[in-house]
Amino acid sequence: MDVTTDPAAEAALARAEFDERMMNLALEQALTAAGAGEVPVGAVVVDAAGNVLGAGYNRTITDSDPTAHAEIVALRQAAARMGNYRLPGLSLYVTLEPCVMCVGAMLHARLTRIVYGAPDPKTGACGSVLDVGAIAQLNHQTDIHGNVLAEPCGSILRGFFRERRRKDTSV
């Protein structure tokens, strides 16, 4: 029997597998954040071959810095490594839908792609609360894709906050 393959379907499958592999790297960063007592969000900036150029996890408490979100930490690392704040051709994978600040930084960095895990119904700026990437007037557009490994990404966060509430009823 002659089985013909659909190149578009093969490409989509390869992209999905790549996305899951990269999101697993971001999940490792999220686990590091949890171990440090930070909200467990992790991010990686990668090139098309999957080489990690920047990695980060939430450090807002550790650094006493409200901008030290996982995405910003990873972007700073990638920009330093590349010697330029503009990062065209690169993608950022993050375990939680980015907030307005982080989406703004990612668009300013000229990332080609943003991929997130769990949606954020409280501060998500990729469609859950706002959709910053859909604003046509912005001078850069990027491909934004969500819900990659959403369950494990969300599970880490739910577990973290459940434990926090158990220990401290003021959270």
N, C-alpha and C. Protein backbone atom coordinates (compact mmCIF):
# COMPACT_ATOMS: atom_id res chain seq x y z
N MET A 1 0.84 -1.18 0.00
CA MET A 1 0.00 0.00 0.00
C MET A 1 0.89 1.25 0.00
N ASP A 2 0.57 2.18 -0.86
CA ASP A 2 1.33 3.41 -0.97
C ASP A 2 0.74 4.43 0.01
N VAL A 3 1.54 4.82 0.97
CA VAL A 3 1.08 5.79 1.96
C VAL A 3 1.73 7.13 1.62
N THR A 4 0.90 8.10 1.32
CA THR A 4 1.44 9.43 1.06
C THR A 4 1.32 10.24 2.34
N THR A 5 2.30 11.07 2.54
CA THR A 5 2.29 11.89 3.74
C THR A 5 2.00 13.33 3.36
N ASP A 6 1.36 13.99 4.23
CA ASP A 6 1.04 15.39 4.05
C ASP A 6 2.17 16.22 4.67
N PRO A 7 2.94 16.92 3.84
CA PRO A 7 4.07 17.70 4.37
C PRO A 7 3.64 18.72 5.43
N ALA A 8 2.48 19.33 5.25
CA ALA A 8 2.01 20.31 6.24
C ALA A 8 1.72 19.64 7.57
N ALA A 9 1.13 18.45 7.52
CA ALA A 9 0.83 17.71 8.76
C ALA A 9 2.13 17.28 9.44
N GLU A 10 3.10 16.84 8.65
CA GLU A 10 4.39 16.45 9.22
C GLU A 10 5.09 17.64 9.87
N ALA A 11 5.02 18.78 9.22
CA ALA A 11 5.65 19.99 9.77
C ALA A 11 4.95 20.41 11.07
N ALA A 12 3.63 20.32 11.09
CA ALA A 12 2.88 20.67 12.30
C ALA A 12 3.23 19.73 13.45
N LEU A 13 3.36 18.45 13.16
CA LEU A 13 3.72 17.48 14.19
C LEU A 13 5.14 17.75 14.70
N ALA A 14 6.05 18.03 13.79
CA ALA A 14 7.43 18.34 14.20
C ALA A 14 7.46 19.60 15.06
N ARG A 15 6.68 20.60 14.70
CA ARG A 15 6.61 21.85 15.47
C ARG A 15 6.05 21.57 16.86
N ALA A 16 4.99 20.77 16.94
CA ALA A 16 4.37 20.44 18.24
C ALA A 16 5.36 19.70 19.14
N GLU A 17 6.10 18.76 18.56
CA GLU A 17 7.09 18.01 19.34
C GLU A 17 8.21 18.93 19.82
N PHE A 18 8.67 19.82 18.95
CA PHE A 18 9.70 20.79 19.32
C PHE A 18 9.19 21.69 20.44
N ASP A 19 7.96 22.20 20.29
CA ASP A 19 7.37 23.07 21.31
C ASP A 19 7.31 22.37 22.67
N GLU A 20 6.92 21.12 22.68
CA GLU A 20 6.84 20.39 23.95
C GLU A 20 8.22 20.19 24.56
N ARG A 21 9.21 19.91 23.73
CA ARG A 21 10.58 19.74 24.22
C ARG A 21 11.08 21.05 24.86
N MET A 22 10.83 22.16 24.20
CA MET A 22 11.27 23.45 24.73
C MET A 22 10.49 23.83 25.98
N MET A 23 9.19 23.53 25.99
CA MET A 23 8.38 23.84 27.18
C MET A 23 8.84 23.02 28.37
N ASN A 24 9.30 21.81 28.14
CA ASN A 24 9.84 21.01 29.25
C ASN A 24 11.07 21.68 29.85
N LEU A 25 11.87 22.35 29.02
CA LEU A 25 13.01 23.10 29.54
C LEU A 25 12.53 24.27 30.41
N ALA A 26 11.47 24.94 29.97
CA ALA A 26 10.89 26.02 30.77
C ALA A 26 10.32 25.48 32.08
N LEU A 27 9.72 24.29 32.03
CA LEU A 27 9.19 23.67 33.25
C LEU A 27 10.31 23.38 34.25
N GLU A 28 11.48 23.01 33.77
CA GLU A 28 12.62 22.80 34.67
C GLU A 28 12.96 24.10 35.40
N GLN A 29 12.91 25.21 34.68
CA GLN A 29 13.15 26.51 35.30
C GLN A 29 12.07 26.83 36.34
N ALA A 30 10.83 26.49 36.03
CA ALA A 30 9.73 26.73 36.97
C ALA A 30 9.94 25.95 38.27
N LEU A 31 10.42 24.73 38.15
CA LEU A 31 10.70 23.93 39.35
C LEU A 31 11.82 24.55 40.18
N THR A 32 12.79 25.15 39.52
CA THR A 32 13.86 25.86 40.24
C THR A 32 13.27 27.04 41.00
N ALA A 33 12.35 27.76 40.37
CA ALA A 33 11.68 28.88 41.04
C ALA A 33 10.94 28.40 42.28
N ALA A 34 10.20 27.32 42.14
CA ALA A 34 9.45 26.78 43.28
C ALA A 34 10.39 26.43 44.42
N GLY A 35 11.52 25.82 44.09
CA GLY A 35 12.51 25.46 45.11
C GLY A 35 13.09 26.67 45.82
N ALA A 36 13.08 27.82 45.15
CA ALA A 36 13.60 29.06 45.73
C ALA A 36 12.51 29.85 46.44
N GLY A 37 11.29 29.30 46.49
CA GLY A 37 10.18 30.00 47.14
C GLY A 37 9.54 31.06 46.27
N GLU A 38 9.86 31.05 45.00
CA GLU A 38 9.29 32.01 44.04
C GLU A 38 8.07 31.40 43.36
N VAL A 39 7.21 32.24 42.80
CA VAL A 39 6.10 31.73 42.00
C VAL A 39 6.71 30.91 40.87
N PRO A 40 6.29 29.65 40.70
CA PRO A 40 6.97 28.75 39.76
C PRO A 40 6.64 28.98 38.30
N VAL A 41 7.30 29.99 37.74
CA VAL A 41 7.20 30.27 36.32
C VAL A 41 8.61 30.21 35.76
N GLY A 42 8.77 29.54 34.63
CA GLY A 42 10.07 29.41 34.00
C GLY A 42 10.00 29.77 32.53
N ALA A 43 11.13 30.19 31.97
CA ALA A 43 11.17 30.59 30.56
C ALA A 43 12.53 30.25 29.96
N VAL A 44 12.52 30.00 28.66
CA VAL A 44 13.75 29.83 27.89
C VAL A 44 13.62 30.57 26.57
N VAL A 45 14.72 31.13 26.10
CA VAL A 45 14.81 31.74 24.78
C VAL A 45 15.68 30.81 23.96
N VAL A 46 15.16 30.39 22.80
CA VAL A 46 15.87 29.41 21.98
C VAL A 46 15.93 29.85 20.53
N ASP A 47 16.92 29.29 19.81
CA ASP A 47 16.97 29.50 18.37
C ASP A 47 16.20 28.38 17.69
N ALA A 48 16.15 28.41 16.37
CA ALA A 48 15.35 27.43 15.61
C ALA A 48 15.83 26.00 15.78
N ALA A 49 17.10 25.82 16.17
CA ALA A 49 17.65 24.47 16.38
C ALA A 49 17.42 23.97 17.80
N GLY A 50 16.86 24.84 18.66
CA GLY A 50 16.62 24.44 20.04
C GLY A 50 17.76 24.76 20.98
N ASN A 51 18.73 25.52 20.52
CA ASN A 51 19.82 25.94 21.41
C ASN A 51 19.31 27.00 22.37
N VAL A 52 19.52 26.80 23.64
CA VAL A 52 19.05 27.74 24.66
C VAL A 52 20.04 28.90 24.75
N LEU A 53 19.54 30.10 24.50
CA LEU A 53 20.37 31.31 24.56
C LEU A 53 20.10 32.11 25.82
N GLY A 54 18.99 31.82 26.47
CA GLY A 54 18.65 32.48 27.72
C GLY A 54 17.66 31.62 28.48
N ALA A 55 17.81 31.58 29.79
CA ALA A 55 16.89 30.81 30.63
C ALA A 55 16.65 31.61 31.90
N GLY A 56 15.45 31.49 32.43
CA GLY A 56 15.17 32.22 33.66
C GLY A 56 13.95 31.69 34.37
N TYR A 57 13.88 32.05 35.61
CA TYR A 57 12.70 31.74 36.42
C TYR A 57 12.39 32.98 37.25
N ASN A 58 11.17 33.04 37.78
CA ASN A 58 10.77 34.19 38.57
C ASN A 58 11.77 34.42 39.70
N ARG A 59 12.20 35.67 39.84
CA ARG A 59 13.15 36.06 40.88
C ARG A 59 12.70 37.34 41.57
N THR A 60 11.42 37.65 41.51
CA THR A 60 10.94 38.93 42.06
C THR A 60 11.19 39.05 43.56
N ILE A 61 10.98 37.96 44.30
CA ILE A 61 11.20 37.99 45.75
C ILE A 61 12.70 37.98 46.04
N THR A 62 13.41 37.06 45.43
CA THR A 62 14.86 36.93 45.65
C THR A 62 15.60 38.22 45.35
N ASP A 63 15.25 38.87 44.24
CA ASP A 63 15.95 40.08 43.81
C ASP A 63 15.30 41.38 44.29
N SER A 64 14.15 41.28 44.97
CA SER A 64 13.37 42.48 45.35
C SER A 64 13.19 43.37 44.13
N ASP A 65 12.77 42.74 43.04
CA ASP A 65 12.65 43.42 41.75
C ASP A 65 11.34 43.02 41.07
N PRO A 66 10.39 43.94 40.98
CA PRO A 66 9.11 43.59 40.38
C PRO A 66 9.19 43.25 38.89
N THR A 67 10.31 43.57 38.25
CA THR A 67 10.46 43.23 36.83
C THR A 67 11.17 41.90 36.61
N ALA A 68 11.57 41.22 37.66
CA ALA A 68 12.34 39.98 37.52
C ALA A 68 11.45 38.77 37.26
N HIS A 69 10.55 38.92 36.30
CA HIS A 69 9.73 37.79 35.86
C HIS A 69 10.61 36.84 35.05
N ALA A 70 10.21 35.59 34.96
CA ALA A 70 10.99 34.58 34.24
C ALA A 70 11.33 35.03 32.82
N GLU A 71 10.35 35.61 32.13
CA GLU A 71 10.56 36.03 30.75
C GLU A 71 11.62 37.12 30.64
N ILE A 72 11.57 38.09 31.54
CA ILE A 72 12.52 39.20 31.52
C ILE A 72 13.93 38.69 31.83
N VAL A 73 14.03 37.80 32.82
CA VAL A 73 15.33 37.22 33.17
C VAL A 73 15.92 36.49 31.95
N ALA A 74 15.09 35.69 31.27
CA ALA A 74 15.56 34.94 30.09
C ALA A 74 15.91 35.88 28.94
N LEU A 75 15.10 36.92 28.73
CA LEU A 75 15.40 37.90 27.67
C LEU A 75 16.72 38.62 27.93
N ARG A 76 16.94 39.03 29.18
CA ARG A 76 18.19 39.72 29.52
C ARG A 76 19.39 38.83 29.24
N GLN A 77 19.27 37.57 29.62
CA GLN A 77 20.38 36.63 29.40
C GLN A 77 20.64 36.44 27.90
N ALA A 78 19.57 36.26 27.13
CA ALA A 78 19.73 36.06 25.68
C ALA A 78 20.30 37.31 25.01
N ALA A 79 19.81 38.48 25.40
CA ALA A 79 20.31 39.73 24.82
C ALA A 79 21.79 39.92 25.12
N ALA A 80 22.19 39.61 26.35
CA ALA A 80 23.61 39.73 26.72
C ALA A 80 24.45 38.76 25.89
N ARG A 81 23.94 37.56 25.73
CA ARG A 81 24.68 36.55 24.96
C ARG A 81 24.80 36.95 23.49
N MET A 82 23.73 37.53 22.94
CA MET A 82 23.72 37.92 21.53
C MET A 82 24.38 39.28 21.30
N GLY A 83 24.57 40.05 22.37
CA GLY A 83 25.16 41.38 22.22
C GLY A 83 24.21 42.38 21.59
N ASN A 84 22.91 42.13 21.71
CA ASN A 84 21.90 43.00 21.11
C ASN A 84 20.57 42.74 21.79
N TYR A 85 19.81 43.81 22.07
CA TYR A 85 18.50 43.61 22.68
C TYR A 85 17.48 43.07 21.68
N ARG A 86 17.76 43.24 20.41
CA ARG A 86 16.86 42.69 19.39
C ARG A 86 17.21 41.23 19.15
N LEU A 87 16.19 40.40 19.19
CA LEU A 87 16.39 38.95 19.11
C LEU A 87 15.55 38.32 18.01
N PRO A 88 15.63 38.85 16.78
CA PRO A 88 14.84 38.25 15.69
C PRO A 88 15.29 36.82 15.42
N GLY A 89 14.35 35.99 15.04
CA GLY A 89 14.66 34.60 14.74
C GLY A 89 14.62 33.71 15.97
N LEU A 90 14.47 34.31 17.15
CA LEU A 90 14.43 33.53 18.38
C LEU A 90 13.01 33.40 18.90
N SER A 91 12.81 32.39 19.73
CA SER A 91 11.50 32.13 20.33
C SER A 91 11.64 32.08 21.84
N LEU A 92 10.59 32.50 22.53
CA LEU A 92 10.57 32.41 23.99
C LEU A 92 9.46 31.46 24.40
N TYR A 93 9.80 30.51 25.26
CA TYR A 93 8.85 29.55 25.82
C TYR A 93 8.71 29.86 27.29
N VAL A 94 7.48 30.00 27.76
CA VAL A 94 7.23 30.33 29.16
C VAL A 94 6.05 29.51 29.66
N THR A 95 6.12 29.09 30.92
CA THR A 95 5.12 28.17 31.45
C THR A 95 3.78 28.81 31.75
N LEU A 96 3.73 30.14 31.87
CA LEU A 96 2.48 30.85 32.15
C LEU A 96 2.31 31.97 31.14
N GLU A 97 1.08 32.17 30.70
CA GLU A 97 0.79 33.26 29.77
C GLU A 97 1.39 34.57 30.29
N PRO A 98 2.16 35.26 29.47
CA PRO A 98 2.84 36.47 29.91
C PRO A 98 1.90 37.62 30.27
N CYS A 99 2.39 38.48 31.17
CA CYS A 99 1.67 39.70 31.54
C CYS A 99 1.99 40.80 30.52
N VAL A 100 1.36 41.95 30.70
CA VAL A 100 1.56 43.08 29.78
C VAL A 100 3.03 43.50 29.71
N MET A 101 3.68 43.61 30.86
CA MET A 101 5.09 44.03 30.88
C MET A 101 5.95 43.08 30.05
N CYS A 102 5.73 41.79 30.25
CA CYS A 102 6.57 40.79 29.57
C CYS A 102 6.28 40.73 28.08
N VAL A 103 5.01 40.81 27.69
CA VAL A 103 4.69 40.81 26.26
C VAL A 103 5.31 42.04 25.61
N GLY A 104 5.23 43.19 26.28
CA GLY A 104 5.84 44.40 25.74
C GLY A 104 7.33 44.23 25.52
N ALA A 105 8.01 43.65 26.48
CA ALA A 105 9.46 43.42 26.34
C ALA A 105 9.75 42.45 25.21
N MET A 106 8.92 41.41 25.08
CA MET A 106 9.14 40.42 24.02
C MET A 106 8.93 41.03 22.64
N LEU A 107 7.91 41.87 22.51
CA LEU A 107 7.68 42.53 21.22
C LEU A 107 8.82 43.50 20.92
N HIS A 108 9.28 44.22 21.95
CA HIS A 108 10.38 45.16 21.77
C HIS A 108 11.66 44.42 21.36
N ALA A 109 11.83 43.19 21.84
CA ALA A 109 13.00 42.38 21.49
C ALA A 109 12.89 41.80 20.08
N ARG A 110 11.73 41.95 19.47
CA ARG A 110 11.50 41.46 18.10
C ARG A 110 11.58 39.94 17.99
N LEU A 111 11.14 39.25 19.05
CA LEU A 111 11.10 37.79 18.98
C LEU A 111 10.23 37.34 17.82
N THR A 112 10.56 36.23 17.22
CA THR A 112 9.76 35.67 16.14
C THR A 112 8.54 34.95 16.68
N ARG A 113 8.69 34.35 17.86
CA ARG A 113 7.62 33.50 18.37
C ARG A 113 7.59 33.53 19.89
N ILE A 114 6.38 33.54 20.45
CA ILE A 114 6.16 33.42 21.89
C ILE A 114 5.26 32.21 22.08
N VAL A 115 5.66 31.29 22.95
CA VAL A 115 4.87 30.09 23.22
C VAL A 115 4.70 29.99 24.73
N TYR A 116 3.45 29.88 25.17
CA TYR A 116 3.21 29.77 26.61
C TYR A 116 2.44 28.50 26.94
N GLY A 117 2.54 28.11 28.21
CA GLY A 117 1.88 26.90 28.69
C GLY A 117 0.47 27.19 29.18
N ALA A 118 0.34 27.46 30.47
CA ALA A 118 -0.98 27.66 31.08
C ALA A 118 -1.49 29.07 30.83
N PRO A 119 -2.78 29.21 30.54
CA PRO A 119 -3.36 30.56 30.43
C PRO A 119 -3.41 31.21 31.81
N ASP A 120 -3.39 32.55 31.83
CA ASP A 120 -3.47 33.29 33.09
C ASP A 120 -4.71 34.17 33.07
N PRO A 121 -5.79 33.71 33.72
CA PRO A 121 -7.05 34.46 33.68
C PRO A 121 -7.04 35.75 34.49
N LYS A 122 -5.96 36.03 35.22
CA LYS A 122 -5.90 37.25 36.03
C LYS A 122 -5.07 38.35 35.38
N THR A 123 -3.94 37.99 34.76
CA THR A 123 -3.07 39.01 34.18
C THR A 123 -2.55 38.65 32.79
N GLY A 124 -3.08 37.61 32.18
CA GLY A 124 -2.60 37.18 30.87
C GLY A 124 -2.82 38.22 29.79
N ALA A 125 -1.75 38.53 29.06
CA ALA A 125 -1.82 39.56 28.01
C ALA A 125 -1.68 39.00 26.61
N CYS A 126 -1.95 37.70 26.47
CA CYS A 126 -1.93 37.06 25.14
C CYS A 126 -3.31 36.52 24.79
N GLY A 127 -4.34 37.10 25.37
CA GLY A 127 -5.69 36.70 25.05
C GLY A 127 -6.61 36.46 26.23
N SER A 128 -6.06 36.11 27.39
CA SER A 128 -6.93 35.81 28.53
C SER A 128 -7.58 37.06 29.11
N VAL A 129 -6.81 38.11 29.34
CA VAL A 129 -7.34 39.37 29.86
C VAL A 129 -7.22 40.45 28.79
N LEU A 130 -6.04 40.57 28.24
CA LEU A 130 -5.75 41.47 27.12
C LEU A 130 -5.12 40.65 26.01
N ASP A 131 -5.07 41.22 24.81
CA ASP A 131 -4.37 40.55 23.71
C ASP A 131 -3.44 41.57 23.05
N VAL A 132 -2.35 41.84 23.72
CA VAL A 132 -1.41 42.87 23.27
C VAL A 132 -0.86 42.55 21.88
N GLY A 133 -0.58 41.30 21.62
CA GLY A 133 -0.03 40.91 20.33
C GLY A 133 -0.96 41.17 19.15
N ALA A 134 -2.25 41.34 19.43
CA ALA A 134 -3.23 41.56 18.36
C ALA A 134 -3.39 43.04 18.02
N ILE A 135 -2.69 43.91 18.70
CA ILE A 135 -2.81 45.34 18.43
C ILE A 135 -2.06 45.66 17.13
N ALA A 136 -2.81 45.93 16.10
CA ALA A 136 -2.24 46.12 14.75
C ALA A 136 -1.31 47.32 14.66
N GLN A 137 -1.51 48.32 15.51
CA GLN A 137 -0.70 49.53 15.44
C GLN A 137 0.72 49.34 15.97
N LEU A 138 0.98 48.27 16.67
CA LEU A 138 2.33 48.04 17.18
C LEU A 138 3.30 47.85 16.02
N ASN A 139 4.55 48.29 16.23
CA ASN A 139 5.51 48.24 15.12
C ASN A 139 6.13 46.87 14.90
N HIS A 140 5.79 45.89 15.71
CA HIS A 140 6.29 44.53 15.49
C HIS A 140 5.19 43.53 15.84
N GLN A 141 5.04 42.56 15.01
CA GLN A 141 4.09 41.48 15.26
C GLN A 141 4.87 40.19 15.42
N THR A 142 4.39 39.33 16.27
CA THR A 142 5.04 38.05 16.48
C THR A 142 3.99 36.96 16.57
N ASP A 143 4.39 35.75 16.29
CA ASP A 143 3.49 34.61 16.38
C ASP A 143 3.37 34.22 17.85
N ILE A 144 2.16 34.16 18.37
CA ILE A 144 1.92 33.78 19.76
C ILE A 144 1.08 32.52 19.78
N HIS A 145 1.56 31.53 20.50
CA HIS A 145 0.88 30.23 20.56
C HIS A 145 0.79 29.80 22.02
N GLY A 146 -0.40 29.41 22.45
CA GLY A 146 -0.58 29.05 23.85
C GLY A 146 -1.05 27.63 24.07
N ASN A 147 -1.13 27.27 25.35
CA ASN A 147 -1.63 25.98 25.82
C ASN A 147 -0.74 24.80 25.46
N VAL A 148 0.56 25.03 25.37
CA VAL A 148 1.52 23.93 25.16
C VAL A 148 1.86 23.37 26.54
N LEU A 149 1.55 22.11 26.75
CA LEU A 149 1.72 21.45 28.05
C LEU A 149 1.03 22.26 29.15
N ALA A 150 -0.15 22.77 28.84
CA ALA A 150 -0.89 23.62 29.78
C ALA A 150 -1.16 22.91 31.11
N GLU A 151 -1.47 21.63 31.07
CA GLU A 151 -1.79 20.92 32.31
C GLU A 151 -0.60 20.85 33.27
N PRO A 152 0.56 20.35 32.85
CA PRO A 152 1.67 20.34 33.81
C PRO A 152 2.12 21.75 34.22
N CYS A 153 2.05 22.70 33.31
CA CYS A 153 2.42 24.07 33.65
C CYS A 153 1.47 24.64 34.71
N GLY A 154 0.18 24.43 34.52
CA GLY A 154 -0.81 24.91 35.48
C GLY A 154 -0.76 24.15 36.79
N SER A 155 -0.47 22.86 36.72
CA SER A 155 -0.43 22.03 37.91
C SER A 155 0.64 22.49 38.90
N ILE A 156 1.80 22.88 38.38
CA ILE A 156 2.87 23.38 39.25
C ILE A 156 2.40 24.63 39.99
N LEU A 157 1.74 25.53 39.27
CA LEU A 157 1.25 26.76 39.89
C LEU A 157 0.16 26.47 40.91
N ARG A 158 -0.80 25.62 40.55
CA ARG A 158 -1.88 25.29 41.49
C ARG A 158 -1.33 24.68 42.77
N GLY A 159 -0.39 23.76 42.63
CA GLY A 159 0.21 23.13 43.80
C GLY A 159 0.95 24.13 44.67
N PHE A 160 1.67 25.04 44.05
CA PHE A 160 2.42 26.06 44.77
C PHE A 160 1.48 26.93 45.59
N PHE A 161 0.41 27.43 44.96
CA PHE A 161 -0.50 28.32 45.67
C PHE A 161 -1.36 27.57 46.69
N ARG A 162 -1.68 26.32 46.43
CA ARG A 162 -2.42 25.51 47.41
C ARG A 162 -1.57 25.38 48.68
N GLU A 163 -0.29 25.10 48.51
CA GLU A 163 0.62 24.97 49.65
C GLU A 163 0.79 26.30 50.37
N ARG A 164 0.88 27.38 49.62
CA ARG A 164 0.99 28.71 50.21
C ARG A 164 -0.23 29.03 51.07
N ARG A 165 -1.43 28.74 50.52
CA ARG A 165 -2.66 29.02 51.28
C ARG A 165 -2.74 28.17 52.54
N ARG A 166 -2.25 26.95 52.44
CA ARG A 166 -2.28 26.06 53.60
C ARG A 166 -1.40 26.63 54.72
N LYS A 167 -0.25 27.17 54.35
CA LYS A 167 0.69 27.71 55.33
C LYS A 167 0.29 29.10 55.83
N ASP A 168 -0.28 29.89 54.94
CA ASP A 168 -0.58 31.29 55.28
C ASP A 168 -1.95 31.65 54.73
N THR A 169 -2.90 31.83 55.61
CA THR A 169 -4.26 32.11 55.16
C THR A 169 -4.41 33.52 54.60
N SER A 170 -3.36 34.37 54.67
CA SER A 170 -3.47 35.73 54.12
C SER A 170 -3.14 35.80 52.64
N VAL A 171 -2.72 34.67 52.02
CA VAL A 171 -2.36 34.67 50.59
C VAL A 171 -3.59 34.46 49.75
